[in-house]
Amino acid sequence: MPATSKAQQKAAGAALAAKRGEIKVSALRGASRQMFESMSEKQLEEFAETKSKDLPEHKTKH
């Protein structure tokens, strides 16, 4: 499942870095912390590697 915004992609990247031990889990806040706790490394990879060219900065609410 691809990311739907650049903000979501960045949060997934931070959570993925924490899963891999590249940053401390305590450094995560908000969405990245929730993603770290609820998603697998494979799911986070899919979100983080989404091409950001056509993504909005933030997801719009409907």
Protein backbone atom coordinates (compact mmCIF):
# COMPACT_ATOMS: atom_id res chain seq x y z
CA MET A 1 0.00 0.00 0.00
CA PRO A 2 1.60 3.28 -1.03
CA ALA A 3 1.73 6.43 1.08
CA THR A 4 -0.97 9.00 0.35
CA SER A 5 1.05 12.10 1.31
CA LYS A 6 4.62 13.25 1.78
CA ALA A 7 4.02 13.61 5.52
CA GLN A 8 2.86 9.99 5.74
CA GLN A 9 5.91 8.89 3.74
CA LYS A 10 8.27 10.76 6.08
CA ALA A 11 6.59 9.28 9.17
CA ALA A 12 6.95 5.79 7.70
CA GLY A 13 10.62 6.43 6.98
CA ALA A 14 11.26 7.47 10.57
CA ALA A 15 9.39 4.43 11.92
CA LEU A 16 11.33 2.16 9.57
CA ALA A 17 14.63 3.62 10.75
CA ALA A 18 13.62 2.89 14.35
CA LYS A 19 12.60 -0.69 13.46
CA ARG A 20 16.05 -1.19 11.95
CA GLY A 21 17.78 0.29 15.00
CA GLU A 22 19.12 3.30 13.11
CA ILE A 23 17.41 5.78 15.46
CA LYS A 24 16.05 5.44 18.98
CA VAL A 25 12.37 4.62 19.39
CA SER A 26 12.17 7.39 21.99
CA ALA A 27 12.86 9.90 19.19
CA LEU A 28 9.57 9.01 17.48
CA ARG A 29 6.48 11.17 18.02
CA GLY A 30 2.92 11.15 16.74
CA ALA A 31 2.19 9.25 13.54
CA SER A 32 5.68 7.76 13.25
CA ARG A 33 5.38 6.30 16.76
CA GLN A 34 1.97 4.80 15.95
CA MET A 35 3.31 3.36 12.70
CA PHE A 36 6.29 1.85 14.52
CA GLU A 37 4.00 0.09 16.98
CA SER A 38 1.34 -1.14 14.56
CA MET A 39 3.11 -1.93 11.27
CA SER A 40 5.63 -4.53 10.14
CA GLU A 41 8.97 -3.61 8.61
CA LYS A 42 7.69 -4.74 5.19
CA GLN A 43 4.61 -2.49 5.44
CA LEU A 44 6.77 0.46 6.47
CA GLU A 45 9.11 -0.18 3.52
CA GLU A 46 6.15 -0.01 1.12
CA PHE A 47 5.02 3.33 2.55
CA ALA A 48 8.51 4.81 2.71
CA GLU A 49 9.51 3.90 -0.84
CA THR A 50 6.45 5.48 -2.49
CA LYS A 51 7.51 7.97 -5.16
CA SER A 52 6.83 11.42 -3.75
CA LYS A 53 6.69 13.36 -7.00
CA ASP A 54 2.89 13.57 -7.25
CA LEU A 55 2.02 13.27 -3.57
CA PRO A 56 0.43 16.19 -1.71
CA GLU A 57 2.32 17.55 1.31
CA HIS A 58 -0.49 16.47 3.64
CA LYS A 59 -3.48 14.22 3.20
CA THR A 60 -6.72 16.17 2.72
CA LYS A 61 -9.72 15.33 4.88
CA HIS A 62 -13.00 14.55 3.16
